[in-house]
């Protein structure tokens, strides 16, 4: 377009360039309306974290990623905001619990117990909630949905406690280190009287 303009019209004053810019902007807007662009949304999965080198830990981490994916699917499927919030919290805590296996392999037996009972039972209840919430109203359906809603608060609290319990051995090690450090400082006379 610039070449055509330069061949047919002059380009030696400032207003010539301003007119060319205005014509080009108008042409751009017109062409965008005539030929709208297409937007393609591509769901890019998160890359898998690198393997730990331990087959048992890697299997546990895969199981955790699958559980979190299922919890997120259930969260997007269920319409009730309070239930969705609880599922989001449970999914987040589940992810943290499984990731602790990477950071502290000593916690793997405790995480396996969690993954063997609590997590499958939670997902079973949430799947039932998802199925039943799409059904019509009825006494049994309403009572079951209410019971599942009520247990979600308790479940989220239990998951928080489970996550906190994974740090018990680390907290004990730190407490021991602090006690040893205090004793050494006192013995060497480096601690003040208020210490």
C-alpha atoms as a PDB file:
ATOM      1  CA  UNK A   1       0.000   0.000   0.000  1.00  0.00           C
ATOM      2  CA  UNK A   2       2.868   2.378   0.792  1.00  0.00           C
ATOM      3  CA  UNK A   3       4.509   1.673  -2.560  1.00  0.00           C
ATOM      4  CA  UNK A   4       1.253   2.308  -4.430  1.00  0.00           C
ATOM      5  CA  UNK A   5       0.725   5.569  -2.509  1.00  0.00           C
ATOM      6  CA  UNK A   6       4.308   6.672  -3.265  1.00  0.00           C
ATOM      7  CA  UNK A   7       3.853   6.005  -6.978  1.00  0.00           C
ATOM      8  CA  UNK A   8       0.557   7.878  -7.260  1.00  0.00           C
ATOM      9  CA  UNK A   9       0.704  10.598  -4.616  1.00  0.00           C
ATOM     10  CA  UNK A  10       3.502  12.721  -3.196  1.00  0.00           C
ATOM     11  CA  UNK A  11       5.338  11.874   0.033  1.00  0.00           C
ATOM     12  CA  UNK A  12       7.476  14.929   0.738  1.00  0.00           C
ATOM     13  CA  UNK A  13       5.512  16.777   3.403  1.00  0.00           C
ATOM     14  CA  UNK A  14       4.553  15.767   6.916  1.00  0.00           C
ATOM     15  CA  UNK A  15       0.818  15.860   6.228  1.00  0.00           C
ATOM     16  CA  UNK A  16       1.356  13.409   3.316  1.00  0.00           C
ATOM     17  CA  UNK A  17       2.722  10.844   5.785  1.00  0.00           C
ATOM     18  CA  UNK A  18      -0.112  11.565   8.235  1.00  0.00           C
ATOM     19  CA  UNK A  19      -2.686  11.010   5.447  1.00  0.00           C
ATOM     20  CA  UNK A  20      -0.958   7.737   4.486  1.00  0.00           C
ATOM     21  CA  UNK A  21      -1.042   6.573   8.131  1.00  0.00           C
ATOM     22  CA  UNK A  22      -4.761   7.423   8.400  1.00  0.00           C
ATOM     23  CA  UNK A  23      -5.577   5.544   5.176  1.00  0.00           C
ATOM     24  CA  UNK A  24      -3.564   2.523   6.335  1.00  0.00           C
ATOM     25  CA  UNK A  25      -5.312   2.494   9.730  1.00  0.00           C
ATOM     26  CA  UNK A  26      -8.716   2.693   8.019  1.00  0.00           C
ATOM     27  CA  UNK A  27      -7.776  -0.133   5.665  1.00  0.00           C
ATOM     28  CA  UNK A  28      -6.622  -2.246   8.610  1.00  0.00           C
ATOM     29  CA  UNK A  29      -9.893  -1.726  10.496  1.00  0.00           C
ATOM     30  CA  UNK A  30     -11.938  -2.476   7.371  1.00  0.00           C
ATOM     31  CA  UNK A  31      -9.997  -5.636   6.587  1.00  0.00           C
ATOM     32  CA  UNK A  32     -10.317  -6.863  10.202  1.00  0.00           C
ATOM     33  CA  UNK A  33     -14.103  -6.528   9.920  1.00  0.00           C
ATOM     34  CA  UNK A  34     -14.246  -8.261   6.557  1.00  0.00           C
ATOM     35  CA  UNK A  35     -11.779 -11.008   7.509  1.00  0.00           C
ATOM     36  CA  UNK A  36     -11.993 -11.526  11.255  1.00  0.00           C
ATOM     37  CA  UNK A  37      -9.169 -13.525  12.749  1.00  0.00           C
ATOM     38  CA  UNK A  38      -9.730 -16.867  14.380  1.00  0.00           C
ATOM     39  CA  UNK A  39      -8.756 -17.566  17.925  1.00  0.00           C
ATOM     40  CA  UNK A  40      -7.954 -21.103  18.842  1.00  0.00           C
ATOM     41  CA  UNK A  41      -7.830 -21.985  22.509  1.00  0.00           C
ATOM     42  CA  UNK A  42      -5.508 -24.862  23.180  1.00  0.00           C
ATOM     43  CA  UNK A  43      -5.494 -26.532  26.557  1.00  0.00           C
ATOM     44  CA  UNK A  44      -1.827 -27.078  27.319  1.00  0.00           C
ATOM     45  CA  UNK A  45      -1.327 -29.608  30.093  1.00  0.00           C
ATOM     46  CA  UNK A  46       1.152 -28.785  32.796  1.00  0.00           C
ATOM     47  CA  UNK A  47       4.447 -30.522  32.221  1.00  0.00           C
ATOM     48  CA  UNK A  48       5.079 -33.492  34.444  1.00  0.00           C
ATOM     49  CA  UNK A  49       7.699 -32.854  37.070  1.00  0.00           C
ATOM     50  CA  UNK A  50      10.943 -34.742  36.578  1.00  0.00           C
ATOM     51  CA  UNK A  51      11.082 -38.253  38.037  1.00  0.00           C
ATOM     52  CA  UNK A  52      12.672 -38.691  41.432  1.00  0.00           C
ATOM     53  CA  UNK A  53      14.601 -41.795  40.444  1.00  0.00           C
ATOM     54  CA  UNK A  54      12.695 -43.928  42.945  1.00  0.00           C
ATOM     55  CA  UNK A  55       9.979 -46.052  41.310  1.00  0.00           C
ATOM     56  CA  UNK A  56       7.855 -46.145  44.470  1.00  0.00           C
ATOM     57  CA  UNK A  57       7.909 -42.367  44.895  1.00  0.00           C
ATOM     58  CA  UNK A  58       7.254 -41.755  41.196  1.00  0.00           C
ATOM     59  CA  UNK A  59       4.245 -44.113  41.273  1.00  0.00           C
ATOM     60  CA  UNK A  60       2.892 -42.330  44.342  1.00  0.00           C
ATOM     61  CA  UNK A  61       3.339 -38.926  42.679  1.00  0.00           C
ATOM     62  CA  UNK A  62       1.530 -40.138  39.540  1.00  0.00           C
ATOM     63  CA  UNK A  63      -1.317 -41.401  41.711  1.00  0.00           C
ATOM     64  CA  UNK A  64      -1.459 -37.993  43.385  1.00  0.00           C
ATOM     65  CA  UNK A  65      -1.583 -36.118  40.071  1.00  0.00           C
ATOM     66  CA  UNK A  66      -4.415 -38.370  38.882  1.00  0.00           C
ATOM     67  CA  UNK A  67      -6.335 -37.797  42.116  1.00  0.00           C
ATOM     68  CA  UNK A  68      -5.906 -34.019  41.875  1.00  0.00           C
ATOM     69  CA  UNK A  69      -7.039 -34.096  38.225  1.00  0.00           C
ATOM     70  CA  UNK A  70     -10.167 -36.038  39.226  1.00  0.00           C
ATOM     71  CA  UNK A  71     -10.884 -33.639  42.097  1.00  0.00           C
ATOM     72  CA  UNK A  72     -10.542 -30.685  39.717  1.00  0.00           C
ATOM     73  CA  UNK A  73     -12.875 -32.390  37.233  1.00  0.00           C
ATOM     74  CA  UNK A  74     -15.440 -32.885  39.986  1.00  0.00           C
ATOM     75  CA  UNK A  75     -15.015 -29.274  41.067  1.00  0.00           C
ATOM     76  CA  UNK A  76     -15.776 -28.007  37.582  1.00  0.00           C
ATOM     77  CA  UNK A  77     -18.739 -30.371  37.256  1.00  0.00           C
ATOM     78  CA  UNK A  78     -20.478 -29.441  40.515  1.00  0.00           C
ATOM     79  CA  UNK A  79     -22.438 -26.169  40.461  1.00  0.00           C
ATOM     80  CA  UNK A  80     -22.859 -25.346  44.154  1.00  0.00           C
ATOM     81  CA  UNK A  81     -20.266 -22.697  45.128  1.00  0.00           C
ATOM     82  CA  UNK A  82     -19.723 -23.837  48.732  1.00  0.00           C
ATOM     83  CA  UNK A  83     -19.077 -27.421  47.611  1.00  0.00           C
ATOM     84  CA  UNK A  84     -16.786 -26.223  44.824  1.00  0.00           C
ATOM     85  CA  UNK A  85     -14.780 -24.182  47.346  1.00  0.00           C
ATOM     86  CA  UNK A  86     -14.342 -27.193  49.631  1.00  0.00           C
ATOM     87  CA  UNK A  87     -13.310 -29.401  46.713  1.00  0.00           C
ATOM     88  CA  UNK A  88     -10.772 -26.773  45.637  1.00  0.00           C
ATOM     89  CA  UNK A  89      -9.291 -26.701  49.127  1.00  0.00           C
ATOM     90  CA  UNK A  90      -9.191 -30.503  49.287  1.00  0.00           C
ATOM     91  CA  UNK A  91      -7.525 -30.680  45.841  1.00  0.00           C
ATOM     92  CA  UNK A  92      -4.904 -28.129  46.865  1.00  0.00           C
ATOM     93  CA  UNK A  93      -4.122 -29.966  50.095  1.00  0.00           C
ATOM     94  CA  UNK A  94      -3.998 -33.295  48.263  1.00  0.00           C
ATOM     95  CA  UNK A  95      -1.459 -31.883  45.831  1.00  0.00           C
ATOM     96  CA  UNK A  96       0.682 -30.585  48.704  1.00  0.00           C
ATOM     97  CA  UNK A  97       0.481 -33.898  50.561  1.00  0.00           C
ATOM     98  CA  UNK A  98       1.665 -35.881  47.542  1.00  0.00           C
ATOM     99  CA  UNK A  99       4.395 -33.377  46.700  1.00  0.00           C
ATOM    100  CA  UNK A 100       5.742 -33.862  50.226  1.00  0.00           C
ATOM    101  CA  UNK A 101       6.752 -37.382  49.118  1.00  0.00           C
ATOM    102  CA  UNK A 102       9.243 -35.753  46.753  1.00  0.00           C
ATOM    103  CA  UNK A 103      10.639 -33.505  49.489  1.00  0.00           C
ATOM    104  CA  UNK A 104      10.655 -36.022  52.359  1.00  0.00           C
ATOM    105  CA  UNK A 105      10.641 -39.713  51.347  1.00  0.00           C
ATOM    106  CA  UNK A 106      10.319 -40.690  55.029  1.00  0.00           C
ATOM    107  CA  UNK A 107       6.690 -39.542  54.841  1.00  0.00           C
ATOM    108  CA  UNK A 108       5.794 -42.017  52.073  1.00  0.00           C
ATOM    109  CA  UNK A 109       4.215 -44.647  54.401  1.00  0.00           C
ATOM    110  CA  UNK A 110       1.983 -41.983  55.960  1.00  0.00           C
ATOM    111  CA  UNK A 111       1.054 -40.616  52.527  1.00  0.00           C
ATOM    112  CA  UNK A 112       0.257 -44.140  51.289  1.00  0.00           C
ATOM    113  CA  UNK A 113      -2.174 -44.630  54.186  1.00  0.00           C
ATOM    114  CA  UNK A 114      -3.812 -41.337  53.250  1.00  0.00           C
ATOM    115  CA  UNK A 115      -3.939 -42.371  49.578  1.00  0.00           C
ATOM    116  CA  UNK A 116      -5.228 -45.837  50.428  1.00  0.00           C
ATOM    117  CA  UNK A 117      -8.349 -44.881  52.351  1.00  0.00           C
ATOM    118  CA  UNK A 118      -9.126 -41.206  52.882  1.00  0.00           C
ATOM    119  CA  UNK A 119      -8.593 -40.019  49.345  1.00  0.00           C
ATOM    120  CA  UNK A 120     -10.570 -42.785  47.561  1.00  0.00           C
ATOM    121  CA  UNK A 121     -13.435 -42.448  50.042  1.00  0.00           C
ATOM    122  CA  UNK A 122     -13.520 -38.673  49.547  1.00  0.00           C
ATOM    123  CA  UNK A 123     -13.564 -39.088  45.774  1.00  0.00           C
ATOM    124  CA  UNK A 124     -16.287 -41.737  46.001  1.00  0.00           C
ATOM    125  CA  UNK A 125     -18.468 -39.363  48.024  1.00  0.00           C
ATOM    126  CA  UNK A 126     -17.814 -36.468  45.644  1.00  0.00           C
ATOM    127  CA  UNK A 127     -18.630 -38.631  42.619  1.00  0.00           C
ATOM    128  CA  UNK A 128     -21.876 -39.638  44.312  1.00  0.00           C
ATOM    129  CA  UNK A 129     -22.628 -35.965  45.012  1.00  0.00           C
ATOM    130  CA  UNK A 130     -21.960 -35.112  41.376  1.00  0.00           C
ATOM    131  CA  UNK A 131     -24.263 -37.904  40.141  1.00  0.00           C
ATOM    132  CA  UNK A 132     -27.038 -37.239  42.630  1.00  0.00           C
ATOM    133  CA  UNK A 133     -27.038 -33.450  42.301  1.00  0.00           C
ATOM    134  CA  UNK A 134     -28.148 -33.922  38.706  1.00  0.00           C
ATOM    135  CA  UNK A 135     -31.118 -36.037  39.804  1.00  0.00           C
ATOM    136  CA  UNK A 136     -34.471 -34.643  40.742  1.00  0.00           C
ATOM    137  CA  UNK A 137     -35.437 -33.643  44.246  1.00  0.00           C
ATOM    138  CA  UNK A 138     -36.362 -36.414  46.606  1.00  0.00           C
ATOM    139  CA  UNK A 139     -36.087 -37.127  50.290  1.00  0.00           C
ATOM    140  CA  UNK A 140     -33.252 -39.644  49.950  1.00  0.00           C
ATOM    141  CA  UNK A 141     -31.347 -37.546  47.418  1.00  0.00           C
ATOM    142  CA  UNK A 142     -31.627 -34.367  49.519  1.00  0.00           C
ATOM    143  CA  UNK A 143     -30.611 -36.152  52.715  1.00  0.00           C
ATOM    144  CA  UNK A 144     -27.589 -37.752  51.047  1.00  0.00           C
ATOM    145  CA  UNK A 145     -26.467 -34.478  49.471  1.00  0.00           C
ATOM    146  CA  UNK A 146     -26.800 -32.728  52.843  1.00  0.00           C
ATOM    147  CA  UNK A 147     -24.706 -35.433  54.558  1.00  0.00           C
ATOM    148  CA  UNK A 148     -21.975 -35.148  51.923  1.00  0.00           C
ATOM    149  CA  UNK A 149     -22.004 -31.327  52.198  1.00  0.00           C
ATOM    150  CA  UNK A 150     -21.693 -31.614  55.995  1.00  0.00           C
ATOM    151  CA  UNK A 151     -18.773 -34.056  55.856  1.00  0.00           C
ATOM    152  CA  UNK A 152     -16.790 -31.860  53.441  1.00  0.00           C
ATOM    153  CA  UNK A 153     -15.863 -29.376  56.190  1.00  0.00           C
ATOM    154  CA  UNK A 154     -14.651 -32.222  58.385  1.00  0.00           C
ATOM    155  CA  UNK A 155     -12.780 -33.735  55.450  1.00  0.00           C
ATOM    156  CA  UNK A 156     -11.018 -30.467  54.611  1.00  0.00           C
ATOM    157  CA  UNK A 157      -9.997 -30.090  58.273  1.00  0.00           C
ATOM    158  CA  UNK A 158      -8.693 -33.675  58.306  1.00  0.00           C
ATOM    159  CA  UNK A 159      -6.664 -33.035  55.141  1.00  0.00           C
ATOM    160  CA  UNK A 160      -5.156 -29.926  56.768  1.00  0.00           C
ATOM    161  CA  UNK A 161      -4.203 -32.007  59.826  1.00  0.00           C
ATOM    162  CA  UNK A 162      -2.760 -34.718  57.591  1.00  0.00           C
ATOM    163  CA  UNK A 163      -0.617 -32.162  55.786  1.00  0.00           C
ATOM    164  CA  UNK A 164       0.512 -30.634  59.079  1.00  0.00           C
ATOM    165  CA  UNK A 165       1.353 -34.080  60.487  1.00  0.00           C
ATOM    166  CA  UNK A 166       3.832 -34.617  57.655  1.00  0.00           C
ATOM    167  CA  UNK A 167       6.016 -31.940  59.224  1.00  0.00           C
ATOM    168  CA  UNK A 168       6.017 -33.427  62.742  1.00  0.00           C
ATOM    169  CA  UNK A 169       9.370 -35.175  62.343  1.00  0.00           C
ATOM    170  CA  UNK A 170      10.942 -32.047  60.852  1.00  0.00           C
ATOM    171  CA  UNK A 171       9.565 -29.912  63.703  1.00  0.00           C
ATOM    172  CA  UNK A 172      11.006 -32.391  66.213  1.00  0.00           C
ATOM    173  CA  UNK A 173      14.428 -32.240  64.524  1.00  0.00           C
ATOM    174  CA  UNK A 174      14.370 -28.429  64.603  1.00  0.00           C
ATOM    175  CA  UNK A 175      13.322 -28.395  68.267  1.00  0.00           C
ATOM    176  CA  UNK A 176      16.182 -30.756  69.087  1.00  0.00           C
ATOM    177  CA  UNK A 177      18.650 -28.557  67.191  1.00  0.00           C
ATOM    178  CA  UNK A 178      17.416 -25.481  69.080  1.00  0.00           C
ATOM    179  CA  UNK A 179      17.803 -27.233  72.452  1.00  0.00           C
ATOM    180  CA  UNK A 180      21.341 -28.375  71.586  1.00  0.00           C
ATOM    181  CA  UNK A 181      22.277 -24.884  70.374  1.00  0.00           C
ATOM    182  CA  UNK A 182      20.920 -23.272  73.561  1.00  0.00           C
ATOM    183  CA  UNK A 183      22.881 -25.742  75.720  1.00  0.00           C
ATOM    184  CA  UNK A 184      26.104 -25.111  73.806  1.00  0.00           C
ATOM    185  CA  UNK A 185      25.692 -21.334  74.002  1.00  0.00           C
ATOM    186  CA  UNK A 186      25.083 -21.492  77.767  1.00  0.00           C
ATOM    187  CA  UNK A 187      28.009 -23.837  78.349  1.00  0.00           C
ATOM    188  CA  UNK A 188      30.371 -21.622  76.365  1.00  0.00           C
ATOM    189  CA  UNK A 189      29.102 -18.516  78.150  1.00  0.00           C
ATOM    190  CA  UNK A 190      27.868 -16.969  74.932  1.00  0.00           C
ATOM    191  CA  UNK A 191      24.251 -16.740  76.015  1.00  0.00           C
ATOM    192  CA  UNK A 192      23.094 -13.734  77.977  1.00  0.00           C
ATOM    193  CA  UNK A 193      21.389 -14.015  81.337  1.00  0.00           C
ATOM    194  CA  UNK A 194      17.985 -13.481  79.755  1.00  0.00           C
ATOM    195  CA  UNK A 195      18.649 -16.332  77.376  1.00  0.00           C
END
